[in-house]
Amino acid sequence: MVNDSDWLDRVFQALADSTRRRLVERLVRGPAAVSELARPFAMSLPAVMQHLQVLQDCGLVRSEKNGRVRTCRLEPAGLRLAQEWLGAQRTDWERRLDSLGDFLTDEPPETDEGPNPGSK
């Protein structure tokens, strides 16, 4: 069984490639045949199929064959863990930035020592 961290690594590794990101972007609009997905790329059909296999292996895409046509579709649940992880990171960074903003806008405490030495 693959743990969430390994799966998340595979998702981000798959999305690190611009060709695979473009395939995902196209599949957001709806299912498409592999030949249609391959059309805009200057690469062979087997090369596109290898990219699609990487996306399938990490659960972002699924495909089915009907006769001689293989159709791919986005698997939205495949992005859920990545979205949750990114959301947690965003929440943590927003909390940290809010704390920094509060720190920077706080007035320095008043002291009874008078003016700073060297100031006139």
C-alpha atoms as a PDB file:
ATOM      1  CA  MET A   1       0.000   0.000   0.000  1.00  0.00           C
ATOM      2  CA  VAL A   2       1.305   3.454  -0.932  1.00  0.00           C
ATOM      3  CA  ASN A   3       1.193   6.007   1.853  1.00  0.00           C
ATOM      4  CA  ASP A   4      -0.130   9.527   1.294  1.00  0.00           C
ATOM      5  CA  SER A   5       3.346  11.070   1.226  1.00  0.00           C
ATOM      6  CA  ASP A   6       4.548   8.707  -1.523  1.00  0.00           C
ATOM      7  CA  TRP A   7       1.373   9.282  -3.502  1.00  0.00           C
ATOM      8  CA  LEU A   8       1.687  13.045  -3.121  1.00  0.00           C
ATOM      9  CA  ASP A   9       5.305  12.856  -4.328  1.00  0.00           C
ATOM     10  CA  ARG A  10       4.138  10.967  -7.420  1.00  0.00           C
ATOM     11  CA  VAL A  11       1.386  13.510  -8.147  1.00  0.00           C
ATOM     12  CA  PHE A  12       3.763  16.471  -7.921  1.00  0.00           C
ATOM     13  CA  GLN A  13       6.400  14.623  -9.941  1.00  0.00           C
ATOM     14  CA  ALA A  14       3.808  13.924 -12.643  1.00  0.00           C
ATOM     15  CA  LEU A  15       2.694  17.563 -12.674  1.00  0.00           C
ATOM     16  CA  ALA A  16       6.282  18.821 -12.798  1.00  0.00           C
ATOM     17  CA  ASP A  17       6.330  18.053 -16.526  1.00  0.00           C
ATOM     18  CA  SER A  18       4.811  20.737 -18.769  1.00  0.00           C
ATOM     19  CA  THR A  19       3.439  18.200 -21.277  1.00  0.00           C
ATOM     20  CA  ARG A  20       1.545  16.385 -18.543  1.00  0.00           C
ATOM     21  CA  ARG A  21       0.225  19.671 -17.137  1.00  0.00           C
ATOM     22  CA  ARG A  22      -1.057  20.568 -20.610  1.00  0.00           C
ATOM     23  CA  LEU A  23      -2.741  17.172 -20.886  1.00  0.00           C
ATOM     24  CA  VAL A  24      -4.451  17.730 -17.526  1.00  0.00           C
ATOM     25  CA  GLU A  25      -5.487  21.246 -18.594  1.00  0.00           C
ATOM     26  CA  ARG A  26      -7.063  19.806 -21.741  1.00  0.00           C
ATOM     27  CA  LEU A  27      -8.852  17.062 -19.805  1.00  0.00           C
ATOM     28  CA  VAL A  28     -10.409  19.660 -17.496  1.00  0.00           C
ATOM     29  CA  ARG A  29     -12.653  20.524 -20.460  1.00  0.00           C
ATOM     30  CA  GLY A  30     -13.828  16.921 -20.731  1.00  0.00           C
ATOM     31  CA  PRO A  31     -12.855  13.426 -21.862  1.00  0.00           C
ATOM     32  CA  ALA A  32     -10.793  13.061 -25.035  1.00  0.00           C
ATOM     33  CA  ALA A  33      -9.388  10.323 -27.230  1.00  0.00           C
ATOM     34  CA  VAL A  34      -5.638   9.788 -26.992  1.00  0.00           C
ATOM     35  CA  SER A  35      -5.255  10.798 -30.645  1.00  0.00           C
ATOM     36  CA  GLU A  36      -7.006  14.114 -29.907  1.00  0.00           C
ATOM     37  CA  LEU A  37      -4.803  14.682 -26.867  1.00  0.00           C
ATOM     38  CA  ALA A  38      -1.680  13.983 -28.933  1.00  0.00           C
ATOM     39  CA  ARG A  39      -2.581  16.328 -31.805  1.00  0.00           C
ATOM     40  CA  PRO A  40      -1.094  19.595 -30.396  1.00  0.00           C
ATOM     41  CA  PHE A  41       2.212  17.972 -29.406  1.00  0.00           C
ATOM     42  CA  ALA A  42       5.266  17.563 -31.606  1.00  0.00           C
ATOM     43  CA  MET A  43       5.874  14.010 -30.394  1.00  0.00           C
ATOM     44  CA  SER A  44       4.871  10.507 -31.295  1.00  0.00           C
ATOM     45  CA  LEU A  45       1.634   8.921 -30.140  1.00  0.00           C
ATOM     46  CA  PRO A  46       3.566   6.382 -28.007  1.00  0.00           C
ATOM     47  CA  ALA A  47       5.371   9.266 -26.250  1.00  0.00           C
ATOM     48  CA  VAL A  48       2.040  10.925 -25.421  1.00  0.00           C
ATOM     49  CA  MET A  49       0.747   7.583 -24.184  1.00  0.00           C
ATOM     50  CA  GLN A  50       3.752   7.324 -21.843  1.00  0.00           C
ATOM     51  CA  HIS A  51       2.888  10.740 -20.386  1.00  0.00           C
ATOM     52  CA  LEU A  52      -0.715   9.631 -19.946  1.00  0.00           C
ATOM     53  CA  GLN A  53       0.467   6.454 -18.215  1.00  0.00           C
ATOM     54  CA  VAL A  54       2.368   8.538 -15.645  1.00  0.00           C
ATOM     55  CA  LEU A  55      -0.816  10.519 -14.992  1.00  0.00           C
ATOM     56  CA  GLN A  56      -2.800   7.293 -14.659  1.00  0.00           C
ATOM     57  CA  ASP A  57      -0.247   5.706 -12.318  1.00  0.00           C
ATOM     58  CA  CYS A  58      -0.656   8.520  -9.810  1.00  0.00           C
ATOM     59  CA  GLY A  59      -4.448   8.594 -10.126  1.00  0.00           C
ATOM     60  CA  LEU A  60      -4.925  11.909 -11.939  1.00  0.00           C
ATOM     61  CA  VAL A  61      -6.291  10.390 -15.149  1.00  0.00           C
ATOM     62  CA  ARG A  62      -8.170   7.246 -16.049  1.00  0.00           C
ATOM     63  CA  SER A  63      -8.769   5.750 -19.448  1.00  0.00           C
ATOM     64  CA  GLU A  64     -11.050   3.233 -21.067  1.00  0.00           C
ATOM     65  CA  LYS A  65     -10.929   1.544 -24.402  1.00  0.00           C
ATOM     66  CA  ASN A  66     -14.027   1.280 -26.574  1.00  0.00           C
ATOM     67  CA  GLY A  67     -13.208  -0.612 -29.747  1.00  0.00           C
ATOM     68  CA  ARG A  68     -10.037   0.908 -31.161  1.00  0.00           C
ATOM     69  CA  VAL A  69     -10.390   4.237 -29.354  1.00  0.00           C
ATOM     70  CA  ARG A  70      -8.845   4.875 -25.955  1.00  0.00           C
ATOM     71  CA  THR A  71     -10.553   7.763 -24.153  1.00  0.00           C
ATOM     72  CA  CYS A  72      -9.000   9.542 -21.182  1.00  0.00           C
ATOM     73  CA  ARG A  73     -10.721  11.576 -18.518  1.00  0.00           C
ATOM     74  CA  LEU A  74      -9.558  13.537 -15.541  1.00  0.00           C
ATOM     75  CA  GLU A  75      -9.966  11.832 -12.186  1.00  0.00           C
ATOM     76  CA  PRO A  76     -10.868  14.774  -9.886  1.00  0.00           C
ATOM     77  CA  ALA A  77     -10.460  12.690  -6.747  1.00  0.00           C
ATOM     78  CA  GLY A  78      -6.841  12.210  -7.772  1.00  0.00           C
ATOM     79  CA  LEU A  79      -6.116  15.866  -7.104  1.00  0.00           C
ATOM     80  CA  ARG A  80      -7.862  15.940  -3.734  1.00  0.00           C
ATOM     81  CA  LEU A  81      -4.837  15.026  -1.597  1.00  0.00           C
ATOM     82  CA  ALA A  82      -2.630  17.532  -3.410  1.00  0.00           C
ATOM     83  CA  GLN A  83      -5.285  20.221  -2.975  1.00  0.00           C
ATOM     84  CA  GLU A  84      -5.630  19.436   0.729  1.00  0.00           C
ATOM     85  CA  TRP A  85      -1.845  19.528   1.208  1.00  0.00           C
ATOM     86  CA  LEU A  86      -1.544  22.854  -0.644  1.00  0.00           C
ATOM     87  CA  GLY A  87      -4.465  24.255   1.365  1.00  0.00           C
ATOM     88  CA  ALA A  88      -2.780  23.295   4.637  1.00  0.00           C
ATOM     89  CA  GLN A  89       0.448  24.970   3.507  1.00  0.00           C
ATOM     90  CA  ARG A  90      -1.443  28.088   2.497  1.00  0.00           C
ATOM     91  CA  THR A  91      -3.249  28.229   5.848  1.00  0.00           C
ATOM     92  CA  ASP A  92       0.040  27.882   7.734  1.00  0.00           C
ATOM     93  CA  TRP A  93       1.768  30.588   5.685  1.00  0.00           C
ATOM     94  CA  GLU A  94      -1.199  32.966   6.005  1.00  0.00           C
ATOM     95  CA  ARG A  95      -1.133  32.463   9.793  1.00  0.00           C
ATOM     96  CA  ARG A  96       2.602  33.176   9.859  1.00  0.00           C
ATOM     97  CA  LEU A  97       2.246  36.268   7.692  1.00  0.00           C
ATOM     98  CA  ASP A  98      -0.595  37.526   9.892  1.00  0.00           C
ATOM     99  CA  SER A  99       1.634  37.071  12.953  1.00  0.00           C
ATOM    100  CA  LEU A 100       4.470  38.918  11.230  1.00  0.00           C
ATOM    101  CA  GLY A 101       2.098  41.738  10.257  1.00  0.00           C
ATOM    102  CA  ASP A 102       0.860  42.000  13.860  1.00  0.00           C
ATOM    103  CA  PHE A 103       4.449  42.089  15.120  1.00  0.00           C
ATOM    104  CA  LEU A 104       5.455  44.799  12.666  1.00  0.00           C
ATOM    105  CA  THR A 105       2.480  47.038  13.452  1.00  0.00           C
ATOM    106  CA  ASP A 106       2.716  46.759  17.252  1.00  0.00           C
ATOM    107  CA  GLU A 107       3.960  49.895  19.027  1.00  0.00           C
ATOM    108  CA  PRO A 108       7.225  49.427  20.886  1.00  0.00           C
ATOM    109  CA  PRO A 109       6.728  49.374  24.647  1.00  0.00           C
ATOM    110  CA  GLU A 110       7.185  52.678  26.496  1.00  0.00           C
ATOM    111  CA  THR A 111      10.213  52.823  28.762  1.00  0.00           C
ATOM    112  CA  ASP A 112      11.045  55.122  31.679  1.00  0.00           C
ATOM    113  CA  GLU A 113      14.651  55.478  30.581  1.00  0.00           C
ATOM    114  CA  GLY A 114      14.037  58.671  28.656  1.00  0.00           C
ATOM    115  CA  PRO A 115      15.417  59.426  25.220  1.00  0.00           C
ATOM    116  CA  ASN A 116      17.929  57.119  23.580  1.00  0.00           C
ATOM    117  CA  PRO A 117      21.546  58.028  24.295  1.00  0.00           C
ATOM    118  CA  GLY A 118      23.047  59.873  21.371  1.00  0.00           C
ATOM    119  CA  SER A 119      19.740  61.307  20.160  1.00  0.00           C
ATOM    120  CA  LYS A 120      18.976  64.991  20.433  1.00  0.00           C
END
